[in-house]
Amino acid sequence: VPPQRRDESARNDTPQRKDAANDQADSGNSKNSGQQDQQDQQN
């Protein structure tokens, strides 16, 4: 990374890791949302 941003990068996670974590969270939320909709339709 550019030297001007090195200290910030050292303190934070990398963007790739953050994106992957967000993708996993979105995927989990989507599955839970689908299961909830199906349960609501049955009820």
Full PDB file with SEQRES, HELIX, SHEET, SSBOND, CRYST1, ORIGX, SCALE, CONECT and MASTER records, all heavy atoms in Angstrom:
SEQRES   1 A   43  VAL PRO PRO GLN ARG ARG ASP GLU SER ALA ARG ASN ASP          
SEQRES   2 A   43  THR PRO GLN ARG LYS ASP ALA ALA ASN ASP GLN ALA ASP          
SEQRES   3 A   43  SER GLY ASN SER LYS ASN SER GLY GLN GLN ASP GLN GLN          
SEQRES   4 A   43  ASP GLN GLN ASN                                              
HELIX    1 AA1 PRO A    3  ARG A    5  5                                   3    
HELIX    2 AA2 ARG A    6  ARG A   11  1                                   6    
HELIX    3 AA3 PRO A   15  GLN A   42  1                                  28    
CRYST1    1.000    1.000    1.000  90.00  90.00  90.00 P 1           1          
ORIGX1      1.000000  0.000000  0.000000        0.00000                         
ORIGX2      0.000000  1.000000  0.000000        0.00000                         
ORIGX3      0.000000  0.000000  1.000000        0.00000                         
SCALE1      1.000000  0.000000  0.000000        0.00000                         
SCALE2      0.000000  1.000000  0.000000        0.00000                         
SCALE3      0.000000  0.000000  1.000000        0.00000                         
ATOM      1  N   VAL A   1       0.845  -1.177   0.000  1.00  0.00           N  
ATOM      2  CA  VAL A   1       0.000   0.000   0.000  1.00  0.00           C  
ATOM      3  C   VAL A   1       0.882   1.228   0.000  1.00  0.00           C  
ATOM      4  O   VAL A   1       2.049   1.163   0.345  1.00  0.00           O  
ATOM      5  CB  VAL A   1      -0.920   0.005   1.254  1.00  0.00           C  
ATOM      6  CG1 VAL A   1      -1.857  -1.164   1.227  1.00  0.00           C  
ATOM      7  CG2 VAL A   1      -0.089   0.013   2.532  1.00  0.00           C  
ATOM      8  N   PRO A   2       0.357   2.413  -0.397  1.00  0.00           N  
ATOM      9  CA  PRO A   2       1.163   3.632  -0.375  1.00  0.00           C  
ATOM     10  C   PRO A   2       1.652   3.930   1.027  1.00  0.00           C  
ATOM     11  O   PRO A   2       0.961   3.658   2.022  1.00  0.00           O  
ATOM     12  CB  PRO A   2       0.175   4.716  -0.855  1.00  0.00           C  
ATOM     13  CG  PRO A   2      -0.840   3.955  -1.635  1.00  0.00           C  
ATOM     14  CD  PRO A   2      -0.957   2.614  -0.969  1.00  0.00           C  
ATOM     15  N   PRO A   3       2.852   4.487   1.186  1.00  0.00           N  
ATOM     16  CA  PRO A   3       3.391   4.761   2.520  1.00  0.00           C  
ATOM     17  C   PRO A   3       2.495   5.653   3.361  1.00  0.00           C  
ATOM     18  O   PRO A   3       2.448   5.509   4.572  1.00  0.00           O  
ATOM     19  CB  PRO A   3       4.727   5.465   2.207  1.00  0.00           C  
ATOM     20  CG  PRO A   3       5.086   5.014   0.832  1.00  0.00           C  
ATOM     21  CD  PRO A   3       3.793   4.806   0.127  1.00  0.00           C  
ATOM     22  N   GLN A   4       1.745   6.560   2.722  1.00  0.00           N  
ATOM     23  CA  GLN A   4       0.899   7.458   3.492  1.00  0.00           C  
ATOM     24  C   GLN A   4      -0.253   6.736   4.176  1.00  0.00           C  
ATOM     25  O   GLN A   4      -0.858   7.266   5.088  1.00  0.00           O  
ATOM     26  CB  GLN A   4       0.316   8.549   2.576  1.00  0.00           C  
ATOM     27  CG  GLN A   4       1.347   9.548   2.076  1.00  0.00           C  
ATOM     28  CD  GLN A   4       2.102   9.031   0.885  1.00  0.00           C  
ATOM     29  OE1 GLN A   4       1.877   7.892   0.469  1.00  0.00           O  
ATOM     30  NE2 GLN A   4       2.981   9.839   0.327  1.00  0.00           N  
ATOM     31  N   ARG A   5      -0.543   5.521   3.712  1.00  0.00           N  
ATOM     32  CA  ARG A   5      -1.672   4.780   4.292  1.00  0.00           C  
ATOM     33  C   ARG A   5      -1.217   3.544   5.066  1.00  0.00           C  
ATOM     34  O   ARG A   5      -2.029   2.751   5.492  1.00  0.00           O  
ATOM     35  CB  ARG A   5      -2.623   4.315   3.176  1.00  0.00           C  
ATOM     36  CG  ARG A   5      -3.109   5.457   2.289  1.00  0.00           C  
ATOM     37  CD  ARG A   5      -4.060   6.333   3.050  1.00  0.00           C  
ATOM     38  NE  ARG A   5      -4.512   7.429   2.222  1.00  0.00           N  
ATOM     39  CZ  ARG A   5      -3.976   8.644   2.250  1.00  0.00           C  
ATOM     40  NH1 ARG A   5      -2.953   8.892   3.066  1.00  0.00           N  
ATOM     41  NH2 ARG A   5      -4.424   9.593   1.464  1.00  0.00           N  
ATOM     42  N   ARG A   6       0.094   3.405   5.254  1.00  0.00           N  
ATOM     43  CA  ARG A   6       0.595   2.173   5.848  1.00  0.00           C  
ATOM     44  C   ARG A   6       0.117   1.995   7.287  1.00  0.00           C  
ATOM     45  O   ARG A   6      -0.275   0.920   7.710  1.00  0.00           O  
ATOM     46  CB  ARG A   6       2.124   2.163   5.811  1.00  0.00           C  
ATOM     47  CG  ARG A   6       2.734   0.891   6.301  1.00  0.00           C  
ATOM     48  CD  ARG A   6       4.257   0.904   6.184  1.00  0.00           C  
ATOM     49  NE  ARG A   6       4.824   2.009   6.883  1.00  0.00           N  
ATOM     50  CZ  ARG A   6       5.374   3.070   6.309  1.00  0.00           C  
ATOM     51  NH1 ARG A   6       5.382   3.168   4.998  1.00  0.00           N  
ATOM     52  NH2 ARG A   6       5.886   4.064   7.000  1.00  0.00           N  
ATOM     53  N   ASP A   7       0.156   3.116   8.063  1.00  0.00           N  
ATOM     54  CA  ASP A   7      -0.235   3.010   9.459  1.00  0.00           C  
ATOM     55  C   ASP A   7      -1.711   2.637   9.589  1.00  0.00           C  
ATOM     56  O   ASP A   7      -2.098   1.864  10.462  1.00  0.00           O  
ATOM     57  CB  ASP A   7       0.046   4.334  10.166  1.00  0.00           C  
ATOM     58  CG  ASP A   7       1.540   4.636  10.217  1.00  0.00           C  
ATOM     59  OD1 ASP A   7       2.329   3.688  10.110  1.00  0.00           O  
ATOM     60  OD2 ASP A   7       1.881   5.819  10.371  1.00  0.00           O  
ATOM     61  N   GLU A   8      -2.539   3.182   8.722  1.00  0.00           N  
ATOM     62  CA  GLU A   8      -3.962   2.854   8.770  1.00  0.00           C  
ATOM     63  C   GLU A   8      -4.200   1.398   8.386  1.00  0.00           C  
ATOM     64  O   GLU A   8      -5.020   0.706   9.000  1.00  0.00           O  
ATOM     65  CB  GLU A   8      -4.729   3.765   7.823  1.00  0.00           C  
ATOM     66  CG  GLU A   8      -4.644   5.228   8.210  1.00  0.00           C  
ATOM     67  CD  GLU A   8      -5.332   6.117   7.196  1.00  0.00           C  
ATOM     68  OE1 GLU A   8      -5.939   5.558   6.270  1.00  0.00           O  
ATOM     69  OE2 GLU A   8      -5.248   7.336   7.344  1.00  0.00           O  
ATOM     70  N   SER A   9      -3.453   0.921   7.399  1.00  0.00           N  
ATOM     71  CA  SER A   9      -3.627  -0.453   6.955  1.00  0.00           C  
ATOM     72  C   SER A   9      -3.212  -1.443   8.029  1.00  0.00           C  
ATOM     73  O   SER A   9      -3.770  -2.519   8.157  1.00  0.00           O  
ATOM     74  CB  SER A   9      -2.812  -0.696   5.679  1.00  0.00           C  
ATOM     75  OG  SER A   9      -3.277   0.135   4.642  1.00  0.00           O  
ATOM     76  N   ALA A  10      -2.187  -1.030   8.811  1.00  0.00           N  
ATOM     77  CA  ALA A  10      -1.712  -1.926   9.848  1.00  0.00           C  
ATOM     78  C   ALA A  10      -2.742  -2.103  10.958  1.00  0.00           C  
ATOM     79  O   ALA A  10      -2.816  -3.133  11.599  1.00  0.00           O  
ATOM     80  CB  ALA A  10      -0.405  -1.395  10.439  1.00  0.00           C  
ATOM     81  N   ARG A  11      -3.563  -1.055  11.161  1.00  0.00           N  
ATOM     82  CA  ARG A  11      -4.538  -1.133  12.254  1.00  0.00           C  
ATOM     83  C   ARG A  11      -5.845  -1.783  11.834  1.00  0.00           C  
ATOM     84  O   ARG A  11      -6.604  -2.262  12.670  1.00  0.00           O  
ATOM     85  CB  ARG A  11      -4.811   0.287  12.773  1.00  0.00           C  
ATOM     86  CG  ARG A  11      -3.639   0.924  13.493  1.00  0.00           C  
ATOM     87  CD  ARG A  11      -4.095   2.189  14.204  1.00  0.00           C  
ATOM     88  NE  ARG A  11      -4.558   3.185  13.268  1.00  0.00           N  
ATOM     89  CZ  ARG A  11      -3.790   4.146  12.780  1.00  0.00           C  
ATOM     90  NH1 ARG A  11      -2.528   4.205  13.126  1.00  0.00           N  
ATOM     91  NH2 ARG A  11      -4.289   5.036  11.948  1.00  0.00           N  
ATOM     92  N   ASN A  12      -6.100  -1.770  10.559  1.00  0.00           N  
ATOM     93  CA  ASN A  12      -7.392  -2.280  10.080  1.00  0.00           C  
ATOM     94  C   ASN A  12      -7.220  -3.555   9.286  1.00  0.00           C  
ATOM     95  O   ASN A  12      -6.144  -3.858   8.788  1.00  0.00           O  
ATOM     96  CB  ASN A  12      -8.073  -1.229   9.199  1.00  0.00           C  
ATOM     97  CG  ASN A  12      -8.307   0.061   9.955  1.00  0.00           C  
ATOM     98  OD1 ASN A  12      -8.596   0.033  11.137  1.00  0.00           O  
ATOM     99  ND2 ASN A  12      -8.175   1.186   9.262  1.00  0.00           N  
ATOM    100  N   ASP A  13      -8.331  -4.272   9.135  1.00  0.00           N  
ATOM    101  CA  ASP A  13      -8.314  -5.447   8.275  1.00  0.00           C  
ATOM    102  C   ASP A  13      -8.210  -5.018   6.832  1.00  0.00           C  
ATOM    103  O   ASP A  13      -8.560  -3.901   6.465  1.00  0.00           O  
ATOM    104  CB  ASP A  13      -9.595  -6.278   8.469  1.00  0.00           C  
ATOM    105  CG  ASP A  13      -9.629  -6.914   9.841  1.00  0.00           C  
ATOM    106  OD1 ASP A  13      -8.551  -7.108  10.417  1.00  0.00           O  
ATOM    107  OD2 ASP A  13     -10.754  -7.197  10.318  1.00  0.00           O  
ATOM    108  N   THR A  14      -7.806  -5.946   5.998  1.00  0.00           N  
ATOM    109  CA  THR A  14      -7.718  -5.644   4.574  1.00  0.00           C  
ATOM    110  C   THR A  14      -9.111  -5.553   3.980  1.00  0.00           C  
ATOM    111  O   THR A  14     -10.055  -6.165   4.483  1.00  0.00           O  
ATOM    112  CB  THR A  14      -6.934  -6.745   3.838  1.00  0.00           C  
ATOM    113  OG1 THR A  14      -7.646  -7.977   3.985  1.00  0.00           O  
ATOM    114  CG2 THR A  14      -5.545  -6.885   4.402  1.00  0.00           C  
ATOM    115  N   PRO A  15      -9.282  -4.763   2.888  1.00  0.00           N  
ATOM    116  CA  PRO A  15     -10.618  -4.657   2.272  1.00  0.00           C  
ATOM    117  C   PRO A  15     -11.157  -5.993   1.795  1.00  0.00           C  
ATOM    118  O   PRO A  15     -12.349  -6.253   1.869  1.00  0.00           O  
ATOM    119  CB  PRO A  15     -10.371  -3.715   1.094  1.00  0.00           C  
ATOM    120  CG  PRO A  15      -9.166  -2.922   1.475  1.00  0.00           C  
ATOM    121  CD  PRO A  15      -8.320  -3.876   2.272  1.00  0.00           C  
ATOM    122  N   GLN A  16     -10.251  -6.888   1.312  1.00  0.00           N  
ATOM    123  CA  GLN A  16     -10.718  -8.180   0.820  1.00  0.00           C  
ATOM    124  C   GLN A  16     -11.356  -8.990   1.943  1.00  0.00           C  
ATOM    125  O   GLN A  16     -12.371  -9.637   1.757  1.00  0.00           O  
ATOM    126  CB  GLN A  16      -9.558  -8.961   0.207  1.00  0.00           C  
ATOM    127  CG  GLN A  16      -9.027  -8.342  -1.079  1.00  0.00           C  
ATOM    128  CD  GLN A  16      -8.024  -7.238  -0.816  1.00  0.00           C  
ATOM    129  OE1 GLN A  16      -7.859  -6.818   0.318  1.00  0.00           O  
ATOM    130  NE2 GLN A  16      -7.371  -6.782  -1.871  1.00  0.00           N  
ATOM    131  N   ARG A  17     -10.706  -8.936   3.103  1.00  0.00           N  
ATOM    132  CA  ARG A  17     -11.257  -9.693   4.224  1.00  0.00           C  
ATOM    133  C   ARG A  17     -12.608  -9.119   4.647  1.00  0.00           C  
ATOM    134  O   ARG A  17     -13.540  -9.833   4.976  1.00  0.00           O  
ATOM    135  CB  ARG A  17     -10.280  -9.658   5.404  1.00  0.00           C  
ATOM    136  CG  ARG A  17      -8.995 -10.463   5.149  1.00  0.00           C  
ATOM    137  CD  ARG A  17      -8.093 -10.413   6.357  1.00  0.00           C  
ATOM    138  NE  ARG A  17      -6.876 -11.183   6.138  1.00  0.00           N  
ATOM    139  CZ  ARG A  17      -5.876 -11.247   7.022  1.00  0.00           C  
ATOM    140  NH1 ARG A  17      -5.960 -10.594   8.167  1.00  0.00           N  
ATOM    141  NH2 ARG A  17      -4.805 -11.960   6.756  1.00  0.00           N  
ATOM    142  N   LYS A  18     -12.679  -7.764   4.624  1.00  0.00           N  
ATOM    143  CA  LYS A  18     -13.938  -7.147   5.003  1.00  0.00           C  
ATOM    144  C   LYS A  18     -15.040  -7.503   4.017  1.00  0.00           C  
ATOM    145  O   LYS A  18     -16.167  -7.796   4.394  1.00  0.00           O  
ATOM    146  CB  LYS A  18     -13.760  -5.627   5.076  1.00  0.00           C  
ATOM    147  CG  LYS A  18     -12.944  -5.173   6.276  1.00  0.00           C  
ATOM    148  CD  LYS A  18     -12.897  -3.659   6.328  1.00  0.00           C  
ATOM    149  CE  LYS A  18     -12.188  -3.192   7.579  1.00  0.00           C  
ATOM    150  NZ  LYS A  18     -12.124  -1.727   7.661  1.00  0.00           N  
ATOM    151  N   ASP A  19     -14.722  -7.466   2.730  1.00  0.00           N  
ATOM    152  CA  ASP A  19     -15.717  -7.795   1.718  1.00  0.00           C  
ATOM    153  C   ASP A  19     -16.180  -9.237   1.847  1.00  0.00           C  
ATOM    154  O   ASP A  19     -17.360  -9.545   1.704  1.00  0.00           O  
ATOM    155  CB  ASP A  19     -15.138  -7.559   0.319  1.00  0.00           C  
ATOM    156  CG  ASP A  19     -14.903  -6.079   0.053  1.00  0.00           C  
ATOM    157  OD1 ASP A  19     -15.498  -5.265   0.795  1.00  0.00           O  
ATOM    158  OD2 ASP A  19     -14.121  -5.764  -0.863  1.00  0.00           O  
ATOM    159  N   ALA A  20     -15.215 -10.140   2.101  1.00  0.00           N  
ATOM    160  CA  ALA A  20     -15.577 -11.544   2.243  1.00  0.00           C  
ATOM    161  C   ALA A  20     -16.492 -11.747   3.444  1.00  0.00           C  
ATOM    162  O   ALA A  20     -17.461 -12.502   3.398  1.00  0.00           O  
ATOM    163  CB  ALA A  20     -14.311 -12.396   2.386  1.00  0.00           C  
ATOM    164  N   ALA A  21     -16.155 -11.021   4.525  1.00  0.00           N  
ATOM    165  CA  ALA A  21     -16.996 -11.155   5.711  1.00  0.00           C  
ATOM    166  C   ALA A  21     -18.398 -10.613   5.450  1.00  0.00           C  
ATOM    167  O   ALA A  21     -19.398 -11.192   5.862  1.00  0.00           O  
ATOM    168  CB  ALA A  21     -16.355 -10.401   6.891  1.00  0.00           C  
ATOM    169  N   ASN A  22     -18.448  -9.482   4.718  1.00  0.00           N  
ATOM    170  CA  ASN A  22     -19.757  -8.926   4.402  1.00  0.00           C  
ATOM    171  C   ASN A  22     -20.555  -9.853   3.491  1.00  0.00           C  
ATOM    172  O   ASN A  22     -21.766  -9.993   3.630  1.00  0.00           O  
ATOM    173  CB  ASN A  22     -19.589  -7.561   3.726  1.00  0.00           C  
ATOM    174  CG  ASN A  22     -19.045  -6.526   4.686  1.00  0.00           C  
ATOM    175  OD1 ASN A  22     -19.206  -6.649   5.898  1.00  0.00           O  
ATOM    176  ND2 ASN A  22     -18.394  -5.481   4.147  1.00  0.00           N  
ATOM    177  N   ASP A  23     -19.867 -10.492   2.506  1.00  0.00           N  
ATOM    178  CA  ASP A  23     -20.543 -11.412   1.601  1.00  0.00           C  
ATOM    179  C   ASP A  23     -21.123 -12.598   2.368  1.00  0.00           C  
ATOM    180  O   ASP A  23     -22.233 -13.046   2.113  1.00  0.00           O  
ATOM    181  CB  ASP A  23     -19.579 -11.913   0.520  1.00  0.00           C  
ATOM    182  CG  ASP A  23     -19.207 -10.801  -0.455  1.00  0.00           C  
ATOM    183  OD1 ASP A  23     -19.915  -9.778  -0.474  1.00  0.00           O  
ATOM    184  OD2 ASP A  23     -18.202 -10.964  -1.175  1.00  0.00           O  
ATOM    185  N   GLN A  24     -20.300 -13.106   3.304  1.00  0.00           N  
ATOM    186  CA  GLN A  24     -20.785 -14.232   4.102  1.00  0.00           C  
ATOM    187  C   GLN A  24     -21.994 -13.825   4.938  1.00  0.00           C  
ATOM    188  O   GLN A  24     -22.965 -14.567   5.060  1.00  0.00           O  
ATOM    189  CB  GLN A  24     -19.668 -14.757   5.004  1.00  0.00           C  
ATOM    190  CG  GLN A  24     -18.538 -15.441   4.229  1.00  0.00           C  
ATOM    191  CD  GLN A  24     -17.448 -15.903   5.157  1.00  0.00           C  
ATOM    192  OE1 GLN A  24     -17.522 -15.688   6.362  1.00  0.00           O  
ATOM    193  NE2 GLN A  24     -16.426 -16.535   4.607  1.00  0.00           N  
ATOM    194  N   ALA A  25     -21.922 -12.616   5.494  1.00  0.00           N  
ATOM    195  CA  ALA A  25     -23.040 -12.152   6.316  1.00  0.00           C  
ATOM    196  C   ALA A  25     -24.289 -11.971   5.473  1.00  0.00           C  
ATOM    197  O   ALA A  25     -25.396 -12.331   5.873  1.00  0.00           O  
ATOM    198  CB  ALA A  25     -22.669 -10.830   7.005  1.00  0.00           C  
ATOM    199  N   ASP A  26     -24.112 -11.375   4.267  1.00  0.00           N  
ATOM    200  CA  ASP A  26     -25.267 -11.193   3.382  1.00  0.00           C  
ATOM    201  C   ASP A  26     -25.861 -12.526   2.958  1.00  0.00           C  
ATOM    202  O   ASP A  26     -27.072 -12.675   2.874  1.00  0.00           O  
ATOM    203  CB  ASP A  26     -24.847 -10.400   2.136  1.00  0.00           C  
ATOM    204  CG  ASP A  26     -24.470  -8.968   2.479  1.00  0.00           C  
ATOM    205  OD1 ASP A  26     -24.871  -8.516   3.577  1.00  0.00           O  
ATOM    206  OD2 ASP A  26     -23.775  -8.329   1.658  1.00  0.00           O  
ATOM    207  N   SER A  27     -24.966 -13.500   2.686  1.00  0.00           N  
ATOM    208  CA  SER A  27     -25.456 -14.818   2.279  1.00  0.00           C  
ATOM    209  C   SER A  27     -26.247 -15.474   3.400  1.00  0.00           C  
ATOM    210  O   SER A  27     -27.306 -16.063   3.188  1.00  0.00           O  
ATOM    211  CB  SER A  27     -24.275 -15.704   1.863  1.00  0.00           C  
ATOM    212  OG  SER A  27     -24.723 -17.002   1.551  1.00  0.00           O  
ATOM    213  N   GLY A  28     -25.720 -15.358   4.618  1.00  0.00           N  
ATOM    214  CA  GLY A  28     -26.428 -15.951   5.751  1.00  0.00           C  
ATOM    215  C   GLY A  28     -27.757 -15.272   5.999  1.00  0.00           C  
ATOM    216  O   GLY A  28     -28.774 -15.913   6.275  1.00  0.00           O  
ATOM    217  N   ASN A  29     -27.766 -13.932   5.856  1.00  0.00           N  
ATOM    218  CA  ASN A  29     -29.018 -13.208   6.051  1.00  0.00           C  
ATOM    219  C   ASN A  29     -30.040 -13.579   4.995  1.00  0.00           C  
ATOM    220  O   ASN A  29     -31.236 -13.661   5.250  1.00  0.00           O  
ATOM    221  CB  ASN A  29     -28.755 -11.701   6.002  1.00  0.00           C  
ATOM    222  CG  ASN A  29     -27.933 -11.231   7.186  1.00  0.00           C  
ATOM    223  OD1 ASN A  29     -27.922 -11.884   8.228  1.00  0.00           O  
ATOM    224  ND2 ASN A  29     -27.235 -10.101   7.025  1.00  0.00           N  
ATOM    225  N   SER A  30     -29.547 -13.788   3.736  1.00  0.00           N  
ATOM    226  CA  SER A  30     -30.468 -14.152   2.654  1.00  0.00           C  
ATOM    227  C   SER A  30     -31.105 -15.507   2.905  1.00  0.00           C  
ATOM    228  O   SER A  30     -32.294 -15.708   2.707  1.00  0.00           O  
ATOM    229  CB  SER A  30     -29.707 -14.145   1.318  1.00  0.00           C  
ATOM    230  OG  SER A  30     -30.558 -14.528   0.281  1.00  0.00           O  
ATOM    231  N   LYS A  31     -30.305 -16.468   3.356  1.00  0.00           N  
ATOM    232  CA  LYS A  31     -30.845 -17.800   3.646  1.00  0.00           C  
ATOM    233  C   LYS A  31     -31.872 -17.728   4.771  1.00  0.00           C  
ATOM    234  O   LYS A  31     -32.945 -18.317   4.703  1.00  0.00           O  
ATOM    235  CB  LYS A  31     -29.710 -18.756   4.019  1.00  0.00           C  
ATOM    236  CG  LYS A  31     -28.793 -19.098   2.848  1.00  0.00           C  
ATOM    237  CD  LYS A  31     -27.696 -20.051   3.281  1.00  0.00           C  
ATOM    238  CE  LYS A  31     -26.779 -20.420   2.127  1.00  0.00           C  
ATOM    239  NZ  LYS A  31     -25.698 -21.333   2.561  1.00  0.00           N  
ATOM    240  N   ASN A  32     -31.510 -16.988   5.843  1.00  0.00           N  
ATOM    241  CA  ASN A  32     -32.432 -16.880   6.969  1.00  0.00           C  
ATOM    242  C   ASN A  32     -33.720 -16.199   6.541  1.00  0.00           C  
ATOM    243  O   ASN A  32     -34.814 -16.554   6.986  1.00  0.00           O  
ATOM    244  CB  ASN A  32     -31.775 -16.092   8.105  1.00  0.00           C  
ATOM    245  CG  ASN A  32     -30.590 -16.842   8.690  1.00  0.00           C  
ATOM    246  OD1 ASN A  32     -30.529 -18.070   8.598  1.00  0.00           O  
ATOM    247  ND2 ASN A  32     -29.651 -16.115   9.303  1.00  0.00           N  
ATOM    248  N   SER A  33     -33.568 -15.174   5.641  1.00  0.00           N  
ATOM    249  CA  SER A  33     -34.768 -14.470   5.177  1.00  0.00           C  
ATOM    250  C   SER A  33     -35.667 -15.402   4.375  1.00  0.00           C  
ATOM    251  O   SER A  33     -36.891 -15.383   4.519  1.00  0.00           O  
ATOM    252  CB  SER A  33     -34.363 -13.261   4.337  1.00  0.00           C  
ATOM    253  OG  SER A  33     -35.505 -12.618   3.838  1.00  0.00           O  
ATOM    254  N   GLY A  34     -35.070 -16.270   3.512  1.00  0.00           N  
ATOM    255  CA  GLY A  34     -35.863 -17.194   2.715  1.00  0.00           C  
ATOM    256  C   GLY A  34     -36.592 -18.199   3.577  1.00  0.00           C  
ATOM    257  O   GLY A  34     -37.766 -18.521   3.341  1.00  0.00           O  
ATOM    258  N   GLN A  35     -35.895 -18.718   4.595  1.00  0.00           N  
ATOM    259  CA  GLN A  35     -36.532 -19.679   5.496  1.00  0.00           C  
ATOM    260  C   GLN A  35     -37.674 -19.029   6.262  1.00  0.00           C  
ATOM    261  O   GLN A  35     -38.732 -19.629   6.482  1.00  0.00           O  
ATOM    262  CB  GLN A  35     -35.491 -20.237   6.458  1.00  0.00           C  
ATOM    263  CG  GLN A  35     -34.429 -21.100   5.765  1.00  0.00           C  
ATOM    264  CD  GLN A  35     -33.351 -21.525   6.736  1.00  0.00           C  
ATOM    265  OE1 GLN A  35     -33.366 -21.125   7.896  1.00  0.00           O  
ATOM    266  NE2 GLN A  35     -32.406 -22.348   6.252  1.00  0.00           N  
ATOM    267  N   GLN A  36     -37.458 -17.743   6.651  1.00  0.00           N  
ATOM    268  CA  GLN A  36     -38.500 -17.065   7.410  1.00  0.00           C  
ATOM    269  C   GLN A  36     -39.733 -16.828   6.552  1.00  0.00           C  
ATOM    270  O   GLN A  36     -40.874 -16.960   7.008  1.00  0.00           O  
ATOM    271  CB  GLN A  36     -37.952 -15.723   7.935  1.00  0.00           C  
ATOM    272  CG  GLN A  36     -38.927 -14.950   8.812  1.00  0.00           C  
ATOM    273  CD  GLN A  36     -39.242 -15.700  10.093  1.00  0.00           C  
ATOM    274  OE1 GLN A  36     -38.374 -16.375  10.649  1.00  0.00           O  
ATOM    275  NE2 GLN A  36     -40.477 -15.618  10.554  1.00  0.00           N  
ATOM    276  N   ASP A  37     -39.502 -16.436   5.244  1.00  0.00           N  
ATOM    277  CA  ASP A  37     -40.640 -16.216   4.340  1.00  0.00           C  
ATOM    278  C   ASP A  37     -41.437 -17.492   4.128  1.00  0.00           C  
ATOM    279  O   ASP A  37     -42.680 -17.485   4.092  1.00  0.00           O  
ATOM    280  CB  ASP A  37     -40.136 -15.688   2.995  1.00  0.00           C  
ATOM    281  CG  ASP A  37     -39.568 -14.290   3.108  1.00  0.00           C  
ATOM    282  OD1 ASP A  37     -39.879 -13.606   4.121  1.00  0.00           O  
ATOM    283  OD2 ASP A  37     -38.809 -13.886   2.215  1.00  0.00           O  
ATOM    284  N   GLN A  38     -40.716 -18.609   3.978  1.00  0.00           N  
ATOM    285  CA  GLN A  38     -41.420 -19.884   3.780  1.00  0.00           C  
ATOM    286  C   GLN A  38     -42.232 -20.242   5.010  1.00  0.00           C  
ATOM    287  O   GLN A  38     -43.369 -20.734   4.910  1.00  0.00           O  
ATOM    288  CB  GLN A  38     -40.397 -20.975   3.462  1.00  0.00           C  
ATOM    289  CG  GLN A  38     -41.035 -22.328   3.138  1.00  0.00           C  
ATOM    290  CD  GLN A  38     -39.997 -23.368   2.780  1.00  0.00           C  
ATOM    291  OE1 GLN A  38     -38.811 -23.092   2.816  1.00  0.00           O  
ATOM    292  NE2 GLN A  38     -40.443 -24.565   2.464  1.00  0.00           N  
ATOM    293  N   GLN A  39     -41.651 -20.011   6.189  1.00  0.00           N  
ATOM    294  CA  GLN A  39     -42.366 -20.322   7.423  1.00  0.00           C  
ATOM    295  C   GLN A  39     -43.600 -19.444   7.562  1.00  0.00           C  
ATOM    296  O   GLN A  39     -44.665 -19.896   7.993  1.00  0.00           O  
ATOM    297  CB  GLN A  39     -41.430 -20.105   8.621  1.00  0.00           C  
ATOM    298  CG  GLN A  39     -42.036 -20.493   9.973  1.00  0.00           C  
ATOM    299  CD  GLN A  39     -42.253 -22.004  10.059  1.00  0.00           C  
ATOM    300  OE1 GLN A  39     -41.523 -22.776   9.442  1.00  0.00           O  
ATOM    301  NE2 GLN A  39     -43.254 -22.421  10.833  1.00  0.00           N  
ATOM    302  N   ASP A  40     -43.440 -18.130   7.131  1.00  0.00           N  
ATOM    303  CA  ASP A  40     -44.579 -17.220   7.237  1.00  0.00           C  
ATOM    304  C   ASP A  40     -45.710 -17.648   6.324  1.00  0.00           C  
ATOM    305  O   ASP A  40     -46.894 -17.539   6.668  1.00  0.00           O  
ATOM    306  CB  ASP A  40     -44.138 -15.797   6.908  1.00  0.00           C  
ATOM    307  CG  ASP A  40     -43.213 -15.231   7.961  1.00  0.00           C  
ATOM    308  OD1 ASP A  40     -43.214 -15.772   9.088  1.00  0.00           O  
ATOM    309  OD2 ASP A  40     -42.494 -14.257   7.650  1.00  0.00           O  
ATOM    310  N   GLN A  41     -45.360 -18.142   5.114  1.00  0.00           N  
ATOM    311  CA  GLN A  41     -46.384 -18.579   4.174  1.00  0.00           C  
ATOM    312  C   GLN A  41     -47.148 -19.790   4.715  1.00  0.00           C  
ATOM    313  O   GLN A  41     -48.361 -19.917   4.539  1.00  0.00           O  
ATOM    314  CB  GLN A  41     -45.749 -18.921   2.824  1.00  0.00           C  
ATOM    315  CG  GLN A  41     -45.245 -17.707   2.064  1.00  0.00           C  
ATOM    316  CD  GLN A  41     -44.616 -18.099   0.736  1.00  0.00           C  
ATOM    317  OE1 GLN A  41     -44.614 -19.289   0.394  1.00  0.00           O  
ATOM    318  NE2 GLN A  41     -44.098 -17.123   0.012  1.00  0.00           N  
ATOM    319  N   GLN A  42     -46.454 -20.680   5.370  1.00  0.00           N  
ATOM    320  CA  GLN A  42     -47.120 -21.859   5.925  1.00  0.00           C  
ATOM    321  C   GLN A  42     -48.047 -21.479   7.076  1.00  0.00           C  
ATOM    322  O   GLN A  42     -49.099 -22.073   7.266  1.00  0.00           O  
ATOM    323  CB  GLN A  42     -46.071 -22.879   6.390  1.00  0.00           C  
ATOM    324  CG  GLN A  42     -45.269 -23.472   5.245  1.00  0.00           C  
ATOM    325  CD  GLN A  42     -44.192 -24.420   5.742  1.00  0.00           C  
ATOM    326  OE1 GLN A  42     -43.998 -24.566   6.945  1.00  0.00           O  
ATOM    327  NE2 GLN A  42     -43.482 -25.076   4.816  1.00  0.00           N  
ATOM    328  N   ASN A  43     -47.622 -20.452   7.837  1.00  0.00           N  
ATOM    329  CA  ASN A  43     -48.409 -20.073   9.002  1.00  0.00           C  
ATOM    330  C   ASN A  43     -49.557 -19.135   8.651  1.00  0.00           C  
ATOM    331  O   ASN A  43     -50.498 -18.980   9.407  1.00  0.00           O  
ATOM    332  CB  ASN A  43     -47.517 -19.407  10.042  1.00  0.00           C  
ATOM    333  CG  ASN A  43     -46.488 -20.391  10.613  1.00  0.00           C  
ATOM    334  OD1 ASN A  43     -46.726 -21.594  10.583  1.00  0.00           O  
ATOM    335  ND2 ASN A  43     -45.373 -19.875  11.138  1.00  0.00           N  
TER     336      ASN A  43                                                      
MASTER        0    0    0    3    0    0    0    6  335    1    0    4          
END                                                                             
